[in-house]
mmCIF file of all heavy atoms, coordinates in Angstrom:
data_MODEL
# 
_entry.id   MODEL 
# 
loop_
_atom_site.group_PDB 
_atom_site.id 
_atom_site.type_symbol 
_atom_site.label_atom_id 
_atom_site.label_alt_id 
_atom_site.label_comp_id 
_atom_site.label_asym_id 
_atom_site.label_entity_id 
_atom_site.label_seq_id 
_atom_site.pdbx_PDB_ins_code 
_atom_site.Cartn_x 
_atom_site.Cartn_y 
_atom_site.Cartn_z 
_atom_site.occupancy 
_atom_site.B_iso_or_equiv 
_atom_site.pdbx_formal_charge 
_atom_site.auth_seq_id 
_atom_site.auth_comp_id 
_atom_site.auth_asym_id 
_atom_site.auth_atom_id 
_atom_site.pdbx_PDB_model_num 
ATOM 1   N N   . ASN A 1 1  ? 52.022 16.504 -28.378 1.00 0.00 ? 1  ASN A N   1 
ATOM 2   C CA  . ASN A 1 1  ? 51.744 15.132 -27.863 1.00 0.00 ? 1  ASN A CA  1 
ATOM 3   C C   . ASN A 1 1  ? 52.878 14.163 -28.134 1.00 0.00 ? 1  ASN A C   1 
ATOM 4   O O   . ASN A 1 1  ? 53.257 13.348 -27.254 1.00 0.00 ? 1  ASN A O   1 
ATOM 5   C CB  . ASN A 1 1  ? 50.443 14.600 -28.532 1.00 0.00 ? 1  ASN A CB  1 
ATOM 6   C CG  . ASN A 1 1  ? 49.204 15.111 -27.804 1.00 0.00 ? 1  ASN A CG  1 
ATOM 7   O OD1 . ASN A 1 1  ? 49.228 15.512 -26.622 1.00 0.00 ? 1  ASN A OD1 1 
ATOM 8   N ND2 . ASN A 1 1  ? 48.112 15.182 -28.554 1.00 0.00 ? 1  ASN A ND2 1 
ATOM 9   N N   . GLU A 1 2  ? 53.484 14.252 -29.307 1.00 0.00 ? 2  GLU A N   1 
ATOM 10  C CA  . GLU A 1 2  ? 54.551 13.365 -29.666 1.00 0.00 ? 2  GLU A CA  1 
ATOM 11  C C   . GLU A 1 2  ? 55.806 13.659 -28.882 1.00 0.00 ? 2  GLU A C   1 
ATOM 12  O O   . GLU A 1 2  ? 56.490 12.737 -28.400 1.00 0.00 ? 2  GLU A O   1 
ATOM 13  C CB  . GLU A 1 2  ? 54.840 13.467 -31.191 1.00 0.00 ? 2  GLU A CB  1 
ATOM 14  C CG  . GLU A 1 2  ? 53.801 12.894 -32.078 1.00 0.00 ? 2  GLU A CG  1 
ATOM 15  C CD  . GLU A 1 2  ? 53.683 11.390 -31.909 1.00 0.00 ? 2  GLU A CD  1 
ATOM 16  O OE1 . GLU A 1 2  ? 54.713 10.726 -31.712 1.00 0.00 ? 2  GLU A OE1 1 
ATOM 17  O OE2 . GLU A 1 2  ? 52.579 10.860 -31.980 1.00 0.00 ? 2  GLU A OE2 1 
ATOM 18  N N   . SER A 1 3  ? 56.075 14.938 -28.655 1.00 0.00 ? 3  SER A N   1 
ATOM 19  C CA  . SER A 1 3  ? 57.289 15.298 -27.955 1.00 0.00 ? 3  SER A CA  1 
ATOM 20  C C   . SER A 1 3  ? 57.254 15.005 -26.453 1.00 0.00 ? 3  SER A C   1 
ATOM 21  O O   . SER A 1 3  ? 58.259 14.599 -25.895 1.00 0.00 ? 3  SER A O   1 
ATOM 22  C CB  . SER A 1 3  ? 57.532 16.838 -28.158 1.00 0.00 ? 3  SER A CB  1 
ATOM 23  O OG  . SER A 1 3  ? 58.707 17.246 -27.540 1.00 0.00 ? 3  SER A OG  1 
ATOM 24  N N   . PHE A 1 4  ? 56.093 15.139 -25.832 1.00 0.00 ? 4  PHE A N   1 
ATOM 25  C CA  . PHE A 1 4  ? 55.951 14.949 -24.372 1.00 0.00 ? 4  PHE A CA  1 
ATOM 26  C C   . PHE A 1 4  ? 55.309 13.648 -24.002 1.00 0.00 ? 4  PHE A C   1 
ATOM 27  O O   . PHE A 1 4  ? 55.036 13.433 -22.839 1.00 0.00 ? 4  PHE A O   1 
ATOM 28  C CB  . PHE A 1 4  ? 55.206 16.132 -23.757 1.00 0.00 ? 4  PHE A CB  1 
ATOM 29  C CG  . PHE A 1 4  ? 55.968 17.407 -23.773 1.00 0.00 ? 4  PHE A CG  1 
ATOM 30  C CD1 . PHE A 1 4  ? 55.726 18.353 -24.731 1.00 0.00 ? 4  PHE A CD1 1 
ATOM 31  C CD2 . PHE A 1 4  ? 56.896 17.698 -22.790 1.00 0.00 ? 4  PHE A CD2 1 
ATOM 32  C CE1 . PHE A 1 4  ? 56.405 19.574 -24.765 1.00 0.00 ? 4  PHE A CE1 1 
ATOM 33  C CE2 . PHE A 1 4  ? 57.582 18.926 -22.820 1.00 0.00 ? 4  PHE A CE2 1 
ATOM 34  C CZ  . PHE A 1 4  ? 57.348 19.819 -23.792 1.00 0.00 ? 4  PHE A CZ  1 
ATOM 35  N N   . ARG A 1 5  ? 55.004 12.820 -24.963 1.00 0.00 ? 5  ARG A N   1 
ATOM 36  C CA  . ARG A 1 5  ? 54.410 11.527 -24.685 1.00 0.00 ? 5  ARG A CA  1 
ATOM 37  C C   . ARG A 1 5  ? 55.402 10.668 -23.786 1.00 0.00 ? 5  ARG A C   1 
ATOM 38  O O   . ARG A 1 5  ? 56.593 10.677 -24.043 1.00 0.00 ? 5  ARG A O   1 
ATOM 39  C CB  . ARG A 1 5  ? 54.155 10.779 -26.062 1.00 0.00 ? 5  ARG A CB  1 
ATOM 40  C CG  . ARG A 1 5  ? 53.405 9.449  -25.883 1.00 0.00 ? 5  ARG A CG  1 
ATOM 41  C CD  . ARG A 1 5  ? 53.359 8.678  -27.196 1.00 0.00 ? 5  ARG A CD  1 
ATOM 42  N NE  . ARG A 1 5  ? 52.851 9.439  -28.321 1.00 0.00 ? 5  ARG A NE  1 
ATOM 43  C CZ  . ARG A 1 5  ? 51.595 9.569  -28.694 1.00 0.00 ? 5  ARG A CZ  1 
ATOM 44  N NH1 . ARG A 1 5  ? 50.681 8.994  -27.951 1.00 0.00 ? 5  ARG A NH1 1 
ATOM 45  N NH2 . ARG A 1 5  ? 51.239 10.265 -29.743 1.00 0.00 ? 5  ARG A NH2 1 
ATOM 46  N N   . PRO A 1 6  ? 54.899 9.899  -22.845 1.00 0.00 ? 6  PRO A N   1 
ATOM 47  C CA  . PRO A 1 6  ? 53.556 9.743  -22.403 1.00 0.00 ? 6  PRO A CA  1 
ATOM 48  C C   . PRO A 1 6  ? 53.167 10.562 -21.127 1.00 0.00 ? 6  PRO A C   1 
ATOM 49  O O   . PRO A 1 6  ? 52.119 10.413 -20.567 1.00 0.00 ? 6  PRO A O   1 
ATOM 50  C CB  . PRO A 1 6  ? 53.500 8.246  -21.971 1.00 0.00 ? 6  PRO A CB  1 
ATOM 51  C CG  . PRO A 1 6  ? 54.866 8.048  -21.370 1.00 0.00 ? 6  PRO A CG  1 
ATOM 52  C CD  . PRO A 1 6  ? 55.838 8.931  -22.175 1.00 0.00 ? 6  PRO A CD  1 
ATOM 53  N N   . ASP A 1 7  ? 54.023 11.527 -20.801 1.00 0.00 ? 7  ASP A N   1 
ATOM 54  C CA  . ASP A 1 7  ? 53.829 12.313 -19.526 1.00 0.00 ? 7  ASP A CA  1 
ATOM 55  C C   . ASP A 1 7  ? 52.692 13.286 -19.599 1.00 0.00 ? 7  ASP A C   1 
ATOM 56  O O   . ASP A 1 7  ? 52.083 13.608 -18.582 1.00 0.00 ? 7  ASP A O   1 
ATOM 57  C CB  . ASP A 1 7  ? 55.143 13.041 -19.181 1.00 0.00 ? 7  ASP A CB  1 
ATOM 58  C CG  . ASP A 1 7  ? 56.289 12.066 -18.925 1.00 0.00 ? 7  ASP A CG  1 
ATOM 59  O OD1 . ASP A 1 7  ? 56.046 11.006 -18.299 1.00 0.00 ? 7  ASP A OD1 1 
ATOM 60  O OD2 . ASP A 1 7  ? 57.439 12.366 -19.382 1.00 0.00 ? 7  ASP A OD2 1 
ATOM 61  N N   . TYR A 1 8  ? 52.420 13.797 -20.816 1.00 0.00 ? 8  TYR A N   1 
ATOM 62  C CA  . TYR A 1 8  ? 51.360 14.825 -20.919 1.00 0.00 ? 8  TYR A CA  1 
ATOM 63  C C   . TYR A 1 8  ? 50.574 14.574 -22.156 1.00 0.00 ? 8  TYR A C   1 
ATOM 64  O O   . TYR A 1 8  ? 50.995 13.990 -23.147 1.00 0.00 ? 8  TYR A O   1 
ATOM 65  C CB  . TYR A 1 8  ? 52.046 16.254 -21.112 1.00 0.00 ? 8  TYR A CB  1 
ATOM 66  C CG  . TYR A 1 8  ? 52.890 16.653 -19.888 1.00 0.00 ? 8  TYR A CG  1 
ATOM 67  C CD1 . TYR A 1 8  ? 54.229 16.483 -19.919 1.00 0.00 ? 8  TYR A CD1 1 
ATOM 68  C CD2 . TYR A 1 8  ? 52.311 17.267 -18.811 1.00 0.00 ? 8  TYR A CD2 1 
ATOM 69  C CE1 . TYR A 1 8  ? 55.016 16.836 -18.825 1.00 0.00 ? 8  TYR A CE1 1 
ATOM 70  C CE2 . TYR A 1 8  ? 53.088 17.623 -17.717 1.00 0.00 ? 8  TYR A CE2 1 
ATOM 71  C CZ  . TYR A 1 8  ? 54.439 17.402 -17.708 1.00 0.00 ? 8  TYR A CZ  1 
ATOM 72  O OH  . TYR A 1 8  ? 55.222 17.770 -16.665 1.00 0.00 ? 8  TYR A OH  1 
ATOM 73  N N   . ASP A 1 9  ? 49.298 15.051 -22.107 1.00 0.00 ? 9  ASP A N   1 
ATOM 74  C CA  . ASP A 1 9  ? 48.348 14.977 -23.232 1.00 0.00 ? 9  ASP A CA  1 
ATOM 75  C C   . ASP A 1 9  ? 47.794 16.361 -23.472 1.00 0.00 ? 9  ASP A C   1 
ATOM 76  O O   . ASP A 1 9  ? 47.224 16.983 -22.657 1.00 0.00 ? 9  ASP A O   1 
ATOM 77  C CB  . ASP A 1 9  ? 47.177 14.024 -22.830 1.00 0.00 ? 9  ASP A CB  1 
ATOM 78  C CG  . ASP A 1 9  ? 46.188 13.776 -23.990 1.00 0.00 ? 9  ASP A CG  1 
ATOM 79  O OD1 . ASP A 1 9  ? 46.466 14.345 -25.089 1.00 0.00 ? 9  ASP A OD1 1 
ATOM 80  O OD2 . ASP A 1 9  ? 45.241 13.087 -23.795 1.00 0.00 ? 9  ASP A OD2 1 
ATOM 81  N N   . PHE A 1 10 ? 48.024 16.836 -24.749 1.00 0.00 ? 10 PHE A N   1 
ATOM 82  C CA  . PHE A 1 10 ? 47.677 18.181 -25.132 1.00 0.00 ? 10 PHE A CA  1 
ATOM 83  C C   . PHE A 1 10 ? 46.390 18.202 -25.990 1.00 0.00 ? 10 PHE A C   1 
ATOM 84  O O   . PHE A 1 10 ? 46.101 19.229 -26.646 1.00 0.00 ? 10 PHE A O   1 
ATOM 85  C CB  . PHE A 1 10 ? 48.793 18.916 -25.828 1.00 0.00 ? 10 PHE A CB  1 
ATOM 86  C CG  . PHE A 1 10 ? 50.043 19.047 -24.996 1.00 0.00 ? 10 PHE A CG  1 
ATOM 87  C CD1 . PHE A 1 10 ? 50.951 18.002 -24.932 1.00 0.00 ? 10 PHE A CD1 1 
ATOM 88  C CD2 . PHE A 1 10 ? 50.240 20.185 -24.229 1.00 0.00 ? 10 PHE A CD2 1 
ATOM 89  C CE1 . PHE A 1 10 ? 52.125 18.116 -24.155 1.00 0.00 ? 10 PHE A CE1 1 
ATOM 90  C CE2 . PHE A 1 10 ? 51.361 20.289 -23.449 1.00 0.00 ? 10 PHE A CE2 1 
ATOM 91  C CZ  . PHE A 1 10 ? 52.288 19.255 -23.387 1.00 0.00 ? 10 PHE A CZ  1 
ATOM 92  N N   . SER A 1 11 ? 45.681 17.122 -26.029 1.00 0.00 ? 11 SER A N   1 
ATOM 93  C CA  . SER A 1 11 ? 44.495 16.991 -26.947 1.00 0.00 ? 11 SER A CA  1 
ATOM 94  C C   . SER A 1 11 ? 43.463 18.105 -26.647 1.00 0.00 ? 11 SER A C   1 
ATOM 95  O O   . SER A 1 11 ? 42.725 18.471 -27.572 1.00 0.00 ? 11 SER A O   1 
ATOM 96  C CB  . SER A 1 11 ? 43.906 15.623 -26.884 1.00 0.00 ? 11 SER A CB  1 
ATOM 97  O OG  . SER A 1 11 ? 44.834 14.655 -27.185 1.00 0.00 ? 11 SER A OG  1 
ATOM 98  N N   . ALA A 1 12 ? 43.421 18.598 -25.475 1.00 0.00 ? 12 ALA A N   1 
ATOM 99  C CA  . ALA A 1 12 ? 42.386 19.562 -25.123 1.00 0.00 ? 12 ALA A CA  1 
ATOM 100 C C   . ALA A 1 12 ? 42.889 21.018 -25.258 1.00 0.00 ? 12 ALA A C   1 
ATOM 101 O O   . ALA A 1 12 ? 42.179 21.995 -25.016 1.00 0.00 ? 12 ALA A O   1 
ATOM 102 C CB  . ALA A 1 12 ? 41.983 19.395 -23.625 1.00 0.00 ? 12 ALA A CB  1 
ATOM 103 N N   . ALA A 1 13 ? 44.114 21.155 -25.868 1.00 0.00 ? 13 ALA A N   1 
ATOM 104 C CA  . ALA A 1 13 ? 44.657 22.517 -26.032 1.00 0.00 ? 13 ALA A CA  1 
ATOM 105 C C   . ALA A 1 13 ? 43.792 23.282 -27.074 1.00 0.00 ? 13 ALA A C   1 
ATOM 106 O O   . ALA A 1 13 ? 43.234 22.636 -28.001 1.00 0.00 ? 13 ALA A O   1 
ATOM 107 C CB  . ALA A 1 13 ? 46.098 22.422 -26.539 1.00 0.00 ? 13 ALA A CB  1 
ATOM 108 N N   . ARG A 1 14 ? 43.748 24.593 -26.937 1.00 0.00 ? 14 ARG A N   1 
ATOM 109 C CA  . ARG A 1 14 ? 42.941 25.431 -27.820 1.00 0.00 ? 14 ARG A CA  1 
ATOM 110 C C   . ARG A 1 14 ? 43.749 26.469 -28.475 1.00 0.00 ? 14 ARG A C   1 
ATOM 111 O O   . ARG A 1 14 ? 44.902 26.782 -28.020 1.00 0.00 ? 14 ARG A O   1 
ATOM 112 C CB  . ARG A 1 14 ? 41.765 26.044 -26.997 1.00 0.00 ? 14 ARG A CB  1 
ATOM 113 C CG  . ARG A 1 14 ? 40.753 25.015 -26.511 1.00 0.00 ? 14 ARG A CG  1 
ATOM 114 C CD  . ARG A 1 14 ? 39.979 24.408 -27.674 1.00 0.00 ? 14 ARG A CD  1 
ATOM 115 N NE  . ARG A 1 14 ? 39.039 23.392 -27.261 1.00 0.00 ? 14 ARG A NE  1 
ATOM 116 C CZ  . ARG A 1 14 ? 39.229 22.063 -27.235 1.00 0.00 ? 14 ARG A CZ  1 
ATOM 117 N NH1 . ARG A 1 14 ? 40.412 21.618 -27.646 1.00 0.00 ? 14 ARG A NH1 1 
ATOM 118 N NH2 . ARG A 1 14 ? 38.292 21.251 -26.858 1.00 0.00 ? 14 ARG A NH2 1 
ATOM 119 N N   . ALA A 1 15 ? 43.203 27.070 -29.477 1.00 0.00 ? 15 ALA A N   1 
ATOM 120 C CA  . ALA A 1 15 ? 43.964 28.067 -30.355 1.00 0.00 ? 15 ALA A CA  1 
ATOM 121 C C   . ALA A 1 15 ? 44.497 29.245 -29.504 1.00 0.00 ? 15 ALA A C   1 
ATOM 122 O O   . ALA A 1 15 ? 45.637 29.664 -29.795 1.00 0.00 ? 15 ALA A O   1 
ATOM 123 C CB  . ALA A 1 15 ? 43.059 28.612 -31.479 1.00 0.00 ? 15 ALA A CB  1 
ATOM 124 N N   . HIS A 1 16 ? 43.760 29.648 -28.501 1.00 0.00 ? 16 HIS A N   1 
ATOM 125 C CA  . HIS A 1 16 ? 44.230 30.817 -27.736 1.00 0.00 ? 16 HIS A CA  1 
ATOM 126 C C   . HIS A 1 16 ? 45.493 30.509 -26.914 1.00 0.00 ? 16 HIS A C   1 
ATOM 127 O O   . HIS A 1 16 ? 46.085 31.462 -26.340 1.00 0.00 ? 16 HIS A O   1 
ATOM 128 C CB  . HIS A 1 16 ? 43.073 31.322 -26.842 1.00 0.00 ? 16 HIS A CB  1 
ATOM 129 C CG  . HIS A 1 16 ? 42.719 30.346 -25.711 1.00 0.00 ? 16 HIS A CG  1 
ATOM 130 N ND1 . HIS A 1 16 ? 43.397 30.282 -24.526 1.00 0.00 ? 16 HIS A ND1 1 
ATOM 131 C CD2 . HIS A 1 16 ? 41.711 29.452 -25.639 1.00 0.00 ? 16 HIS A CD2 1 
ATOM 132 C CE1 . HIS A 1 16 ? 42.899 29.375 -23.797 1.00 0.00 ? 16 HIS A CE1 1 
ATOM 133 N NE2 . HIS A 1 16 ? 41.850 28.833 -24.416 1.00 0.00 ? 16 HIS A NE2 1 
ATOM 134 N N   . GLU A 1 17 ? 45.878 29.258 -26.810 1.00 0.00 ? 17 GLU A N   1 
ATOM 135 C CA  . GLU A 1 17 ? 47.127 28.903 -26.079 1.00 0.00 ? 17 GLU A CA  1 
ATOM 136 C C   . GLU A 1 17 ? 48.317 28.993 -26.999 1.00 0.00 ? 17 GLU A C   1 
ATOM 137 O O   . GLU A 1 17 ? 49.457 28.817 -26.523 1.00 0.00 ? 17 GLU A O   1 
ATOM 138 C CB  . GLU A 1 17 ? 47.029 27.489 -25.527 1.00 0.00 ? 17 GLU A CB  1 
ATOM 139 C CG  . GLU A 1 17 ? 45.898 27.338 -24.498 1.00 0.00 ? 17 GLU A CG  1 
ATOM 140 C CD  . GLU A 1 17 ? 45.777 25.949 -23.934 1.00 0.00 ? 17 GLU A CD  1 
ATOM 141 O OE1 . GLU A 1 17 ? 46.722 25.553 -23.256 1.00 0.00 ? 17 GLU A OE1 1 
ATOM 142 O OE2 . GLU A 1 17 ? 44.761 25.315 -24.246 1.00 0.00 ? 17 GLU A OE2 1 
ATOM 143 N N   . PHE A 1 18 ? 48.133 29.313 -28.267 1.00 0.00 ? 18 PHE A N   1 
ATOM 144 C CA  . PHE A 1 18 ? 49.214 29.429 -29.224 1.00 0.00 ? 18 PHE A CA  1 
ATOM 145 C C   . PHE A 1 18 ? 49.290 30.889 -29.755 1.00 0.00 ? 18 PHE A C   1 
ATOM 146 O O   . PHE A 1 18 ? 48.328 31.645 -29.714 1.00 0.00 ? 18 PHE A O   1 
ATOM 147 C CB  . PHE A 1 18 ? 48.992 28.518 -30.432 1.00 0.00 ? 18 PHE A CB  1 
ATOM 148 C CG  . PHE A 1 18 ? 49.017 27.053 -30.034 1.00 0.00 ? 18 PHE A CG  1 
ATOM 149 C CD1 . PHE A 1 18 ? 47.810 26.413 -29.747 1.00 0.00 ? 18 PHE A CD1 1 
ATOM 150 C CD2 . PHE A 1 18 ? 50.175 26.332 -29.962 1.00 0.00 ? 18 PHE A CD2 1 
ATOM 151 C CE1 . PHE A 1 18 ? 47.773 25.030 -29.430 1.00 0.00 ? 18 PHE A CE1 1 
ATOM 152 C CE2 . PHE A 1 18 ? 50.172 24.968 -29.613 1.00 0.00 ? 18 PHE A CE2 1 
ATOM 153 C CZ  . PHE A 1 18 ? 48.972 24.355 -29.318 1.00 0.00 ? 18 PHE A CZ  1 
ATOM 154 N N   . SER A 1 19 ? 50.478 31.226 -30.198 1.00 0.00 ? 19 SER A N   1 
ATOM 155 C CA  . SER A 1 19 ? 50.684 32.566 -30.806 1.00 0.00 ? 19 SER A CA  1 
ATOM 156 C C   . SER A 1 19 ? 51.528 32.472 -32.088 1.00 0.00 ? 19 SER A C   1 
ATOM 157 O O   . SER A 1 19 ? 52.355 31.482 -32.166 1.00 0.00 ? 19 SER A O   1 
ATOM 158 C CB  . SER A 1 19 ? 51.435 33.506 -29.840 1.00 0.00 ? 19 SER A CB  1 
ATOM 159 O OG  . SER A 1 19 ? 50.740 33.622 -28.619 1.00 0.00 ? 19 SER A OG  1 
ATOM 160 N N   . ARG A 1 20 ? 51.258 33.338 -33.017 1.00 0.00 ? 20 ARG A N   1 
ATOM 161 C CA  . ARG A 1 20 ? 52.167 33.408 -34.159 1.00 0.00 ? 20 ARG A CA  1 
ATOM 162 C C   . ARG A 1 20 ? 53.161 34.531 -33.928 1.00 0.00 ? 20 ARG A C   1 
ATOM 163 O O   . ARG A 1 20 ? 52.822 35.688 -33.667 1.00 0.00 ? 20 ARG A O   1 
ATOM 164 C CB  . ARG A 1 20 ? 51.374 33.733 -35.488 1.00 0.00 ? 20 ARG A CB  1 
ATOM 165 C CG  . ARG A 1 20 ? 52.223 33.531 -36.752 1.00 0.00 ? 20 ARG A CG  1 
ATOM 166 C CD  . ARG A 1 20 ? 51.593 34.305 -37.938 1.00 0.00 ? 20 ARG A CD  1 
ATOM 167 N NE  . ARG A 1 20 ? 50.221 34.031 -38.128 1.00 0.00 ? 20 ARG A NE  1 
ATOM 168 C CZ  . ARG A 1 20 ? 49.702 33.039 -38.895 1.00 0.00 ? 20 ARG A CZ  1 
ATOM 169 N NH1 . ARG A 1 20 ? 50.501 32.217 -39.539 1.00 0.00 ? 20 ARG A NH1 1 
ATOM 170 N NH2 . ARG A 1 20 ? 48.404 32.906 -39.014 1.00 0.00 ? 20 ARG A NH2 1 
ATOM 171 N N   . GLU A 1 21 ? 54.484 34.150 -34.003 1.00 0.00 ? 21 GLU A N   1 
ATOM 172 C CA  . GLU A 1 21 ? 55.539 35.106 -33.683 1.00 0.00 ? 21 GLU A CA  1 
ATOM 173 C C   . GLU A 1 21 ? 55.682 36.130 -34.817 1.00 0.00 ? 21 GLU A C   1 
ATOM 174 O O   . GLU A 1 21 ? 55.495 35.742 -36.016 1.00 0.00 ? 21 GLU A O   1 
ATOM 175 C CB  . GLU A 1 21 ? 56.817 34.447 -33.399 1.00 0.00 ? 21 GLU A CB  1 
ATOM 176 C CG  . GLU A 1 21 ? 56.806 33.515 -32.181 1.00 0.00 ? 21 GLU A CG  1 
ATOM 177 C CD  . GLU A 1 21 ? 56.492 34.280 -30.904 1.00 0.00 ? 21 GLU A CD  1 
ATOM 178 O OE1 . GLU A 1 21 ? 57.024 35.409 -30.715 1.00 0.00 ? 21 GLU A OE1 1 
ATOM 179 O OE2 . GLU A 1 21 ? 55.692 33.831 -30.080 1.00 0.00 ? 21 GLU A OE2 1 
ATOM 180 N N   . PRO A 1 22 ? 55.974 37.394 -34.516 1.00 0.00 ? 22 PRO A N   1 
ATOM 181 C CA  . PRO A 1 22 ? 56.003 38.457 -35.524 1.00 0.00 ? 22 PRO A CA  1 
ATOM 182 C C   . PRO A 1 22 ? 57.157 38.275 -36.523 1.00 0.00 ? 22 PRO A C   1 
ATOM 183 O O   . PRO A 1 22 ? 57.034 38.685 -37.703 1.00 0.00 ? 22 PRO A O   1 
ATOM 184 C CB  . PRO A 1 22 ? 56.178 39.719 -34.773 1.00 0.00 ? 22 PRO A CB  1 
ATOM 185 C CG  . PRO A 1 22 ? 56.734 39.293 -33.435 1.00 0.00 ? 22 PRO A CG  1 
ATOM 186 C CD  . PRO A 1 22 ? 56.170 37.969 -33.147 1.00 0.00 ? 22 PRO A CD  1 
ATOM 187 N N   . SER A 1 23 ? 58.283 37.665 -36.139 1.00 0.00 ? 23 SER A N   1 
ATOM 188 C CA  . SER A 1 23 ? 59.424 37.540 -37.052 1.00 0.00 ? 23 SER A CA  1 
ATOM 189 C C   . SER A 1 23 ? 60.456 36.604 -36.504 1.00 0.00 ? 23 SER A C   1 
ATOM 190 O O   . SER A 1 23 ? 60.486 36.301 -35.312 1.00 0.00 ? 23 SER A O   1 
ATOM 191 C CB  . SER A 1 23 ? 60.084 38.912 -37.334 1.00 0.00 ? 23 SER A CB  1 
ATOM 192 O OG  . SER A 1 23 ? 60.762 39.348 -36.154 1.00 0.00 ? 23 SER A OG  1 
ATOM 193 N N   . LEU A 1 24 ? 61.311 36.148 -37.361 1.00 0.00 ? 24 LEU A N   1 
ATOM 194 C CA  . LEU A 1 24 ? 62.444 35.278 -36.927 1.00 0.00 ? 24 LEU A CA  1 
ATOM 195 C C   . LEU A 1 24 ? 63.377 36.055 -35.960 1.00 0.00 ? 24 LEU A C   1 
ATOM 196 O O   . LEU A 1 24 ? 63.848 35.483 -35.015 1.00 0.00 ? 24 LEU A O   1 
ATOM 197 C CB  . LEU A 1 24 ? 63.152 34.767 -38.143 1.00 0.00 ? 24 LEU A CB  1 
ATOM 198 C CG  . LEU A 1 24 ? 64.469 33.952 -37.897 1.00 0.00 ? 24 LEU A CG  1 
ATOM 199 C CD1 . LEU A 1 24 ? 64.209 32.760 -37.039 1.00 0.00 ? 24 LEU A CD1 1 
ATOM 200 C CD2 . LEU A 1 24 ? 65.142 33.615 -39.181 1.00 0.00 ? 24 LEU A CD2 1 
ATOM 201 N N   . ASN A 1 25 ? 63.597 37.312 -36.258 1.00 0.00 ? 25 ASN A N   1 
ATOM 202 C CA  . ASN A 1 25 ? 64.508 38.098 -35.405 1.00 0.00 ? 25 ASN A CA  1 
ATOM 203 C C   . ASN A 1 25 ? 63.970 38.201 -33.954 1.00 0.00 ? 25 ASN A C   1 
ATOM 204 O O   . ASN A 1 25 ? 64.719 38.139 -33.027 1.00 0.00 ? 25 ASN A O   1 
ATOM 205 C CB  . ASN A 1 25 ? 64.640 39.526 -35.995 1.00 0.00 ? 25 ASN A CB  1 
ATOM 206 C CG  . ASN A 1 25 ? 65.617 39.485 -37.175 1.00 0.00 ? 25 ASN A CG  1 
ATOM 207 O OD1 . ASN A 1 25 ? 66.376 38.600 -37.369 1.00 0.00 ? 25 ASN A OD1 1 
ATOM 208 N ND2 . ASN A 1 25 ? 65.465 40.539 -38.028 1.00 0.00 ? 25 ASN A ND2 1 
ATOM 209 N N   . TRP A 1 26 ? 62.643 38.382 -33.822 1.00 0.00 ? 26 TRP A N   1 
ATOM 210 C CA  . TRP A 1 26 ? 62.047 38.475 -32.529 1.00 0.00 ? 26 TRP A CA  1 
ATOM 211 C C   . TRP A 1 26 ? 62.290 37.172 -31.704 1.00 0.00 ? 26 TRP A C   1 
ATOM 212 O O   . TRP A 1 26 ? 62.730 37.175 -30.531 1.00 0.00 ? 26 TRP A O   1 
ATOM 213 C CB  . TRP A 1 26 ? 60.525 38.737 -32.580 1.00 0.00 ? 26 TRP A CB  1 
ATOM 214 C CG  . TRP A 1 26 ? 60.212 40.152 -32.743 1.00 0.00 ? 26 TRP A CG  1 
ATOM 215 C CD1 . TRP A 1 26 ? 59.912 40.834 -33.880 1.00 0.00 ? 26 TRP A CD1 1 
ATOM 216 C CD2 . TRP A 1 26 ? 60.061 41.135 -31.645 1.00 0.00 ? 26 TRP A CD2 1 
ATOM 217 N NE1 . TRP A 1 26 ? 59.648 42.117 -33.597 1.00 0.00 ? 26 TRP A NE1 1 
ATOM 218 C CE2 . TRP A 1 26 ? 59.730 42.360 -32.255 1.00 0.00 ? 26 TRP A CE2 1 
ATOM 219 C CE3 . TRP A 1 26 ? 60.207 41.070 -30.296 1.00 0.00 ? 26 TRP A CE3 1 
ATOM 220 C CZ2 . TRP A 1 26 ? 59.514 43.540 -31.561 1.00 0.00 ? 26 TRP A CZ2 1 
ATOM 221 C CZ3 . TRP A 1 26 ? 59.984 42.208 -29.511 1.00 0.00 ? 26 TRP A CZ3 1 
ATOM 222 C CH2 . TRP A 1 26 ? 59.689 43.446 -30.158 1.00 0.00 ? 26 TRP A CH2 1 
ATOM 223 N N   . VAL A 1 27 ? 62.113 36.047 -32.397 1.00 0.00 ? 27 VAL A N   1 
ATOM 224 C CA  . VAL A 1 27 ? 62.263 34.711 -31.731 1.00 0.00 ? 27 VAL A CA  1 
ATOM 225 C C   . VAL A 1 27 ? 63.729 34.470 -31.446 1.00 0.00 ? 27 VAL A C   1 
ATOM 226 O O   . VAL A 1 27 ? 64.109 34.087 -30.334 1.00 0.00 ? 27 VAL A O   1 
ATOM 227 C CB  . VAL A 1 27 ? 61.721 33.610 -32.640 1.00 0.00 ? 27 VAL A CB  1 
ATOM 228 C CG1 . VAL A 1 27 ? 62.072 32.250 -32.021 1.00 0.00 ? 27 VAL A CG1 1 
ATOM 229 C CG2 . VAL A 1 27 ? 60.229 33.750 -32.804 1.00 0.00 ? 27 VAL A CG2 1 
ATOM 230 N N   . ALA A 1 28 ? 64.605 34.805 -32.394 1.00 0.00 ? 28 ALA A N   1 
ATOM 231 C CA  . ALA A 1 28 ? 66.088 34.592 -32.183 1.00 0.00 ? 28 ALA A CA  1 
ATOM 232 C C   . ALA A 1 28 ? 66.567 35.409 -31.000 1.00 0.00 ? 28 ALA A C   1 
ATOM 233 O O   . ALA A 1 28 ? 67.354 34.942 -30.153 1.00 0.00 ? 28 ALA A O   1 
ATOM 234 C CB  . ALA A 1 28 ? 66.817 34.936 -33.491 1.00 0.00 ? 28 ALA A CB  1 
ATOM 235 N N   . ASN A 1 29 ? 66.137 36.678 -30.934 1.00 0.00 ? 29 ASN A N   1 
ATOM 236 C CA  . ASN A 1 29 ? 66.509 37.519 -29.826 1.00 0.00 ? 29 ASN A CA  1 
ATOM 237 C C   . ASN A 1 29 ? 66.057 36.986 -28.478 1.00 0.00 ? 29 ASN A C   1 
ATOM 238 O O   . ASN A 1 29 ? 66.777 37.043 -27.459 1.00 0.00 ? 29 ASN A O   1 
ATOM 239 C CB  . ASN A 1 29 ? 66.047 38.958 -30.042 1.00 0.00 ? 29 ASN A CB  1 
ATOM 240 C CG  . ASN A 1 29 ? 66.791 39.659 -31.124 1.00 0.00 ? 29 ASN A CG  1 
ATOM 241 O OD1 . ASN A 1 29 ? 67.920 39.279 -31.476 1.00 0.00 ? 29 ASN A OD1 1 
ATOM 242 N ND2 . ASN A 1 29 ? 66.130 40.658 -31.740 1.00 0.00 ? 29 ASN A ND2 1 
# 
């Protein structure tokens, strides 16, 4: 919300829209 304000509102976002990444290496790659 802070990053995309005022163009978007993410208040209705739910947990299933997020993921925990397995490792830093995976993300960096």
